[in-house]
Each structure stands twice: as C-alpha cells, then as structure tokens.
C-alpha cells in the first residue's frame, strides 16, 4: 500500500467539482484462522459520518456505527460476519497486532467488497499501524455534471496521488469477465473434442 498525508483531503475538498470526500486507511492482516492455509482480513479505517454520506446504500442488519472516533469497535461486512460467526456485542481479534475490537454493527449484504471488510474508526487504525495522519484512499463524490477528466488532471498533480474512477474499475471487471468467458468456452470446446475422439 502507498500512503498519503491526511492533509491532502482538504486540497481535494476545495476543488469546485467535488461534492463530498471521505478519508480511508486500508490495512491487510494475515489471519491464520481463515481457511486451511490462512487468509487475509481487510480492515478499513473510516469516519462513519462522511463514509455513510458517500455510500448511502449501506444499511445495517444489526447495530450501527462506532460510538467514538478513538473506540476499539468494529462494523463487519455481511460476509466477514458470516465467516467468523459474529453478532453485535461479540469480540474480534486482529491477528498480528493482538488488538481486540467489540462488534457494534453488521451490515446488510451489498454485493461489493464491503461485504468482506471490517470497518474500524480511522484514528484507531492509524494508531494501531503507526500511521498517524496518513491515508491510503480518499473517496470522492463529484457534483452533478462535473468534468471528471479535468478533476483527475488536477488530482494527479498532488503528491503521492493516483486516481482510479469507478468507470476504470468497471472496465477492468468487464475485461476479466470477457477473459473468463473465453477460457470457459475454450475448455468446453476441448472437452467436446475429447468426447468426440
């Protein structure tokens, strides 16, 4: 992961095309309890108010957001909670760091990466990973009719910033799906040929 100074978010928020922003710190932790050979747990440090405003589709199955910006509390995505069999009030341990969080909320299924993510207060995650005043991501919502290409050009001038639009993400996913379709079709043709032989 690459990091940027939290102060950059104020520069981004000043741009006339920007309606809302939210700061995010991402962290990945190896979890030996996931599967036979272990796996990765994804943690997002967020500010609940600005994050919820940027993602109004997020709804809670149980509980709600953190009680305090420095709390050791967690909101679990639907699949993360299902996998670990957690309910509101349970405790979860962050492997490697030996830090315990109290589960205060579980989100409804969204069909996005949020389902497998564990959300904790931004300040808490910055403290745990010794990344004070640093972020990995800034979520941005543009104003209606804003020129996104112009904004991207301006953002690239900021230090340590890489711009990824939802359109780029969608294009990448569609390319992966197309590649998978070609592979499945190729395997089907090979299987038919073998069956004919």
C-alpha atoms as a PDB file:
ATOM      1  CA  UNK A   1       0.000   0.000   0.000  1.00  0.00           C
ATOM      2  CA  UNK A   2       1.055   3.573  -0.685  1.00  0.00           C
ATOM      3  CA  UNK A   3       0.289   6.295   1.827  1.00  0.00           C
ATOM      4  CA  UNK A   4      -0.533   9.988   1.552  1.00  0.00           C
ATOM      5  CA  UNK A   5      -0.801  12.740   4.106  1.00  0.00           C
ATOM      6  CA  UNK A   6      -4.290  13.244   5.536  1.00  0.00           C
ATOM      7  CA  UNK A   7      -3.994  16.983   4.797  1.00  0.00           C
ATOM      8  CA  UNK A   8      -4.365  16.191   1.060  1.00  0.00           C
ATOM      9  CA  UNK A   9      -8.088  15.615   1.640  1.00  0.00           C
ATOM     10  CA  UNK A  10      -8.515  19.355   2.324  1.00  0.00           C
ATOM     11  CA  UNK A  11      -6.898  20.169  -1.034  1.00  0.00           C
ATOM     12  CA  UNK A  12      -9.253  17.733  -2.786  1.00  0.00           C
ATOM     13  CA  UNK A  13     -12.346  19.077  -0.982  1.00  0.00           C
ATOM     14  CA  UNK A  14     -11.559  22.634  -2.223  1.00  0.00           C
ATOM     15  CA  UNK A  15     -11.942  21.624  -5.873  1.00  0.00           C
ATOM     16  CA  UNK A  16     -15.164  23.028  -7.400  1.00  0.00           C
ATOM     17  CA  UNK A  17     -16.110  19.648  -8.942  1.00  0.00           C
ATOM     18  CA  UNK A  18     -16.089  17.844  -5.573  1.00  0.00           C
ATOM     19  CA  UNK A  19     -19.322  17.454  -3.618  1.00  0.00           C
ATOM     20  CA  UNK A  20     -18.112  15.150  -0.804  1.00  0.00           C
ATOM     21  CA  UNK A  21     -14.972  13.386   0.382  1.00  0.00           C
ATOM     22  CA  UNK A  22     -14.195  10.709   2.932  1.00  0.00           C
ATOM     23  CA  UNK A  23     -10.788   9.635   4.295  1.00  0.00           C
ATOM     24  CA  UNK A  24      -9.922   5.914   4.373  1.00  0.00           C
ATOM     25  CA  UNK A  25      -6.946   3.950   5.676  1.00  0.00           C
ATOM     26  CA  UNK A  26      -6.780   0.384   4.370  1.00  0.00           C
ATOM     27  CA  UNK A  27      -4.878  -2.356   6.161  1.00  0.00           C
ATOM     28  CA  UNK A  28      -4.486  -6.031   5.341  1.00  0.00           C
ATOM     29  CA  UNK A  29      -3.677  -8.534   8.080  1.00  0.00           C
ATOM     30  CA  UNK A  30      -2.786 -12.208   7.665  1.00  0.00           C
ATOM     31  CA  UNK A  31      -5.337 -14.296   9.531  1.00  0.00           C
ATOM     32  CA  UNK A  32      -4.265 -17.909  10.244  1.00  0.00           C
ATOM     33  CA  UNK A  33      -7.867 -18.793  11.202  1.00  0.00           C
ATOM     34  CA  UNK A  34      -9.205 -18.211   7.684  1.00  0.00           C
ATOM     35  CA  UNK A  35      -9.304 -21.450   5.717  1.00  0.00           C
ATOM     36  CA  UNK A  36      -6.786 -24.283   5.859  1.00  0.00           C
ATOM     37  CA  UNK A  37      -3.748 -22.194   4.982  1.00  0.00           C
ATOM     38  CA  UNK A  38      -4.938 -18.888   6.408  1.00  0.00           C
ATOM     39  CA  UNK A  39      -6.053 -15.781   4.549  1.00  0.00           C
ATOM     40  CA  UNK A  40      -6.153 -12.016   4.575  1.00  0.00           C
ATOM     41  CA  UNK A  41      -8.519  -9.881   6.635  1.00  0.00           C
ATOM     42  CA  UNK A  42      -9.207  -6.442   5.199  1.00  0.00           C
ATOM     43  CA  UNK A  43      -9.656  -3.524   7.594  1.00  0.00           C
ATOM     44  CA  UNK A  44     -10.865  -0.056   6.593  1.00  0.00           C
ATOM     45  CA  UNK A  45     -10.324   2.855   8.949  1.00  0.00           C
ATOM     46  CA  UNK A  46     -13.200   5.266   8.270  1.00  0.00           C
ATOM     47  CA  UNK A  47     -15.020   8.285   9.617  1.00  0.00           C
ATOM     48  CA  UNK A  48     -18.587   6.937   9.800  1.00  0.00           C
ATOM     49  CA  UNK A  49     -20.455  10.178   9.016  1.00  0.00           C
ATOM     50  CA  UNK A  50     -18.604  11.066   5.808  1.00  0.00           C
ATOM     51  CA  UNK A  51     -18.290   7.403   4.752  1.00  0.00           C
ATOM     52  CA  UNK A  52     -22.054   6.813   5.160  1.00  0.00           C
ATOM     53  CA  UNK A  53     -22.804  10.021   3.208  1.00  0.00           C
ATOM     54  CA  UNK A  54     -20.655   8.779   0.334  1.00  0.00           C
ATOM     55  CA  UNK A  55     -22.255   5.311   0.468  1.00  0.00           C
ATOM     56  CA  UNK A  56     -25.911   5.891   1.403  1.00  0.00           C
ATOM     57  CA  UNK A  57     -26.807   2.361   0.218  1.00  0.00           C
ATOM     58  CA  UNK A  58     -25.051   0.861   3.277  1.00  0.00           C
ATOM     59  CA  UNK A  59     -27.706  -0.402   5.679  1.00  0.00           C
ATOM     60  CA  UNK A  60     -27.315  -2.249   8.957  1.00  0.00           C
ATOM     61  CA  UNK A  61     -28.564  -5.765   9.636  1.00  0.00           C
ATOM     62  CA  UNK A  62     -27.682  -5.242  13.306  1.00  0.00           C
ATOM     63  CA  UNK A  63     -26.351  -2.355  15.406  1.00  0.00           C
ATOM     64  CA  UNK A  64     -24.806   0.800  13.977  1.00  0.00           C
ATOM     65  CA  UNK A  65     -21.605   2.829  13.628  1.00  0.00           C
ATOM     66  CA  UNK A  66     -18.903   3.392  16.280  1.00  0.00           C
ATOM     67  CA  UNK A  67     -19.635   5.358  19.423  1.00  0.00           C
ATOM     68  CA  UNK A  68     -16.344   7.270  19.389  1.00  0.00           C
ATOM     69  CA  UNK A  69     -13.593   8.195  16.886  1.00  0.00           C
ATOM     70  CA  UNK A  70     -10.954   6.535  19.097  1.00  0.00           C
ATOM     71  CA  UNK A  71     -13.026   3.487  20.081  1.00  0.00           C
ATOM     72  CA  UNK A  72     -11.838  -0.098  19.673  1.00  0.00           C
ATOM     73  CA  UNK A  73     -15.059  -1.032  17.920  1.00  0.00           C
ATOM     74  CA  UNK A  74     -15.792  -2.691  14.585  1.00  0.00           C
ATOM     75  CA  UNK A  75     -18.542  -2.788  11.986  1.00  0.00           C
ATOM     76  CA  UNK A  76     -18.392  -6.010   9.979  1.00  0.00           C
ATOM     77  CA  UNK A  77     -19.449  -6.522   6.400  1.00  0.00           C
ATOM     78  CA  UNK A  78     -22.095  -9.228   5.860  1.00  0.00           C
ATOM     79  CA  UNK A  79     -19.697 -11.947   4.647  1.00  0.00           C
ATOM     80  CA  UNK A  80     -16.988 -11.113   7.194  1.00  0.00           C
ATOM     81  CA  UNK A  81     -19.554 -11.548   9.992  1.00  0.00           C
ATOM     82  CA  UNK A  82     -20.929 -14.783   8.453  1.00  0.00           C
ATOM     83  CA  UNK A  83     -17.450 -16.266   8.028  1.00  0.00           C
ATOM     84  CA  UNK A  84     -16.459 -15.527  11.623  1.00  0.00           C
ATOM     85  CA  UNK A  85     -19.963 -16.234  13.020  1.00  0.00           C
ATOM     86  CA  UNK A  86     -20.104 -12.878  14.799  1.00  0.00           C
ATOM     87  CA  UNK A  87     -23.025 -10.905  16.217  1.00  0.00           C
ATOM     88  CA  UNK A  88     -23.243  -7.422  17.741  1.00  0.00           C
ATOM     89  CA  UNK A  89     -21.594  -7.496  21.175  1.00  0.00           C
ATOM     90  CA  UNK A  90     -19.027 -10.176  20.217  1.00  0.00           C
ATOM     91  CA  UNK A  91     -15.276  -9.531  20.325  1.00  0.00           C
ATOM     92  CA  UNK A  92     -12.932  -9.992  17.357  1.00  0.00           C
ATOM     93  CA  UNK A  93      -9.156 -10.195  17.495  1.00  0.00           C
ATOM     94  CA  UNK A  94      -6.955  -8.528  14.873  1.00  0.00           C
ATOM     95  CA  UNK A  95      -4.238 -11.107  14.187  1.00  0.00           C
ATOM     96  CA  UNK A  96      -0.583  -9.977  14.174  1.00  0.00           C
ATOM     97  CA  UNK A  97      -1.449  -6.882  16.235  1.00  0.00           C
ATOM     98  CA  UNK A  98      -3.231  -8.712  19.099  1.00  0.00           C
ATOM     99  CA  UNK A  99      -5.821  -5.956  19.293  1.00  0.00           C
ATOM    100  CA  UNK A 100      -9.404  -6.713  20.301  1.00  0.00           C
ATOM    101  CA  UNK A 101     -12.462  -4.944  18.899  1.00  0.00           C
ATOM    102  CA  UNK A 102     -16.065  -5.045  20.057  1.00  0.00           C
ATOM    103  CA  UNK A 103     -18.520  -5.639  17.188  1.00  0.00           C
ATOM    104  CA  UNK A 104     -21.057  -2.784  17.258  1.00  0.00           C
ATOM    105  CA  UNK A 105     -22.618  -3.261  13.816  1.00  0.00           C
ATOM    106  CA  UNK A 106     -23.120  -5.755  10.992  1.00  0.00           C
ATOM    107  CA  UNK A 107     -24.010  -4.509   7.522  1.00  0.00           C
ATOM    108  CA  UNK A 108     -26.583  -5.952   5.141  1.00  0.00           C
ATOM    109  CA  UNK A 109     -25.261  -7.729   2.047  1.00  0.00           C
ATOM    110  CA  UNK A 110     -24.214  -5.237  -0.645  1.00  0.00           C
ATOM    111  CA  UNK A 111     -22.661  -7.466  -3.315  1.00  0.00           C
ATOM    112  CA  UNK A 112     -19.490  -5.335  -3.141  1.00  0.00           C
ATOM    113  CA  UNK A 113     -16.078  -5.569  -1.450  1.00  0.00           C
ATOM    114  CA  UNK A 114     -17.718  -4.035   1.635  1.00  0.00           C
ATOM    115  CA  UNK A 115     -19.261  -7.447   2.422  1.00  0.00           C
ATOM    116  CA  UNK A 116     -15.859  -8.905   3.295  1.00  0.00           C
ATOM    117  CA  UNK A 117     -14.460  -5.828   5.026  1.00  0.00           C
ATOM    118  CA  UNK A 118     -14.134  -4.949   8.702  1.00  0.00           C
ATOM    119  CA  UNK A 119     -14.588  -1.230   9.396  1.00  0.00           C
ATOM    120  CA  UNK A 120     -12.977   0.433  12.414  1.00  0.00           C
ATOM    121  CA  UNK A 121     -12.536   4.105  13.419  1.00  0.00           C
ATOM    122  CA  UNK A 122      -9.916   5.843  11.272  1.00  0.00           C
ATOM    123  CA  UNK A 123      -7.957   7.263  14.235  1.00  0.00           C
ATOM    124  CA  UNK A 124      -7.861   3.827  15.893  1.00  0.00           C
ATOM    125  CA  UNK A 125      -6.455   2.095  12.785  1.00  0.00           C
ATOM    126  CA  UNK A 126      -3.901   4.887  12.277  1.00  0.00           C
ATOM    127  CA  UNK A 127      -2.736   4.345  15.859  1.00  0.00           C
ATOM    128  CA  UNK A 128      -2.540   0.535  15.592  1.00  0.00           C
ATOM    129  CA  UNK A 129      -0.457   0.642  12.399  1.00  0.00           C
ATOM    130  CA  UNK A 130       1.636   3.664  13.468  1.00  0.00           C
ATOM    131  CA  UNK A 131       0.346   5.740  10.551  1.00  0.00           C
ATOM    132  CA  UNK A 132      -0.709   8.998  12.248  1.00  0.00           C
ATOM    133  CA  UNK A 133      -2.309  11.477   9.842  1.00  0.00           C
ATOM    134  CA  UNK A 134      -1.870   9.104   6.869  1.00  0.00           C
ATOM    135  CA  UNK A 135      -4.396   7.650   4.432  1.00  0.00           C
ATOM    136  CA  UNK A 136      -4.381   5.136   1.615  1.00  0.00           C
ATOM    137  CA  UNK A 137      -7.587   6.322  -0.071  1.00  0.00           C
ATOM    138  CA  UNK A 138      -9.816   9.334  -0.435  1.00  0.00           C
ATOM    139  CA  UNK A 139     -13.373   8.570  -1.528  1.00  0.00           C
ATOM    140  CA  UNK A 140     -14.774  11.349  -3.725  1.00  0.00           C
ATOM    141  CA  UNK A 141     -18.292  12.102  -4.916  1.00  0.00           C
ATOM    142  CA  UNK A 142     -18.483  14.591  -7.762  1.00  0.00           C
ATOM    143  CA  UNK A 143     -21.105  17.270  -8.210  1.00  0.00           C
ATOM    144  CA  UNK A 144     -23.723  16.571 -10.861  1.00  0.00           C
ATOM    145  CA  UNK A 145     -22.375  17.479 -14.303  1.00  0.00           C
ATOM    146  CA  UNK A 146     -18.792  17.926 -13.059  1.00  0.00           C
ATOM    147  CA  UNK A 147     -15.913  17.423 -15.503  1.00  0.00           C
ATOM    148  CA  UNK A 148     -14.238  14.312 -14.061  1.00  0.00           C
ATOM    149  CA  UNK A 149     -11.368  14.346 -16.596  1.00  0.00           C
ATOM    150  CA  UNK A 150     -10.443  17.893 -15.553  1.00  0.00           C
ATOM    151  CA  UNK A 151     -10.530  16.936 -11.870  1.00  0.00           C
ATOM    152  CA  UNK A 152      -8.395  13.819 -12.493  1.00  0.00           C
ATOM    153  CA  UNK A 153      -5.813  16.014 -14.223  1.00  0.00           C
ATOM    154  CA  UNK A 154      -5.685  18.345 -11.206  1.00  0.00           C
ATOM    155  CA  UNK A 155      -5.518  15.488  -8.689  1.00  0.00           C
ATOM    156  CA  UNK A 156      -2.562  13.853 -10.462  1.00  0.00           C
ATOM    157  CA  UNK A 157      -0.548  16.988  -9.614  1.00  0.00           C
ATOM    158  CA  UNK A 158      -0.923  16.273  -5.883  1.00  0.00           C
ATOM    159  CA  UNK A 159       1.962  14.303  -4.297  1.00  0.00           C
ATOM    160  CA  UNK A 160       1.501  10.522  -3.861  1.00  0.00           C
ATOM    161  CA  UNK A 161      -1.948  10.552  -5.524  1.00  0.00           C
ATOM    162  CA  UNK A 162      -3.190   8.026  -8.071  1.00  0.00           C
ATOM    163  CA  UNK A 163      -6.708   8.498  -9.438  1.00  0.00           C
ATOM    164  CA  UNK A 164      -8.969   5.486 -10.047  1.00  0.00           C
ATOM    165  CA  UNK A 165     -12.505   6.157 -11.267  1.00  0.00           C
ATOM    166  CA  UNK A 166     -15.426   3.753 -10.941  1.00  0.00           C
ATOM    167  CA  UNK A 167     -15.504   3.646 -14.761  1.00  0.00           C
ATOM    168  CA  UNK A 168     -11.932   2.279 -14.796  1.00  0.00           C
ATOM    169  CA  UNK A 169     -12.819  -0.305 -12.154  1.00  0.00           C
ATOM    170  CA  UNK A 170     -15.899  -1.350 -14.162  1.00  0.00           C
ATOM    171  CA  UNK A 171     -13.847  -1.632 -17.387  1.00  0.00           C
ATOM    172  CA  UNK A 172     -11.274  -3.827 -15.624  1.00  0.00           C
ATOM    173  CA  UNK A 173     -14.004  -6.110 -14.248  1.00  0.00           C
ATOM    174  CA  UNK A 174     -15.646  -6.386 -17.698  1.00  0.00           C
ATOM    175  CA  UNK A 175     -12.281  -7.337 -19.263  1.00  0.00           C
ATOM    176  CA  UNK A 176     -11.777 -10.017 -16.611  1.00  0.00           C
ATOM    177  CA  UNK A 177     -15.288 -11.377 -17.267  1.00  0.00           C
ATOM    178  CA  UNK A 178     -14.613 -11.455 -21.034  1.00  0.00           C
ATOM    179  CA  UNK A 179     -11.332 -13.319 -20.460  1.00  0.00           C
ATOM    180  CA  UNK A 180     -13.099 -15.808 -18.176  1.00  0.00           C
ATOM    181  CA  UNK A 181     -15.817 -16.397 -20.834  1.00  0.00           C
ATOM    182  CA  UNK A 182     -13.167 -17.120 -23.490  1.00  0.00           C
ATOM    183  CA  UNK A 183     -11.398 -19.566 -21.137  1.00  0.00           C
ATOM    184  CA  UNK A 184     -14.645 -21.382 -20.268  1.00  0.00           C
ATOM    185  CA  UNK A 185     -15.569 -21.608 -23.966  1.00  0.00           C
ATOM    186  CA  UNK A 186     -12.089 -22.956 -24.806  1.00  0.00           C
ATOM    187  CA  UNK A 187     -12.356 -25.625 -22.094  1.00  0.00           C
ATOM    188  CA  UNK A 188     -15.840 -26.576 -23.333  1.00  0.00           C
ATOM    189  CA  UNK A 189     -14.572 -26.962 -26.919  1.00  0.00           C
ATOM    190  CA  UNK A 190     -11.620 -29.103 -25.742  1.00  0.00           C
ATOM    191  CA  UNK A 191     -13.994 -31.261 -23.683  1.00  0.00           C
ATOM    192  CA  UNK A 192     -16.294 -31.747 -26.704  1.00  0.00           C
ATOM    193  CA  UNK A 193     -13.321 -32.683 -28.925  1.00  0.00           C
ATOM    194  CA  UNK A 194     -12.079 -35.199 -26.348  1.00  0.00           C
ATOM    195  CA  UNK A 195     -15.604 -36.660 -26.047  1.00  0.00           C
ATOM    196  CA  UNK A 196     -15.824 -36.967 -29.876  1.00  0.00           C
ATOM    197  CA  UNK A 197     -12.452 -38.754 -30.007  1.00  0.00           C
END
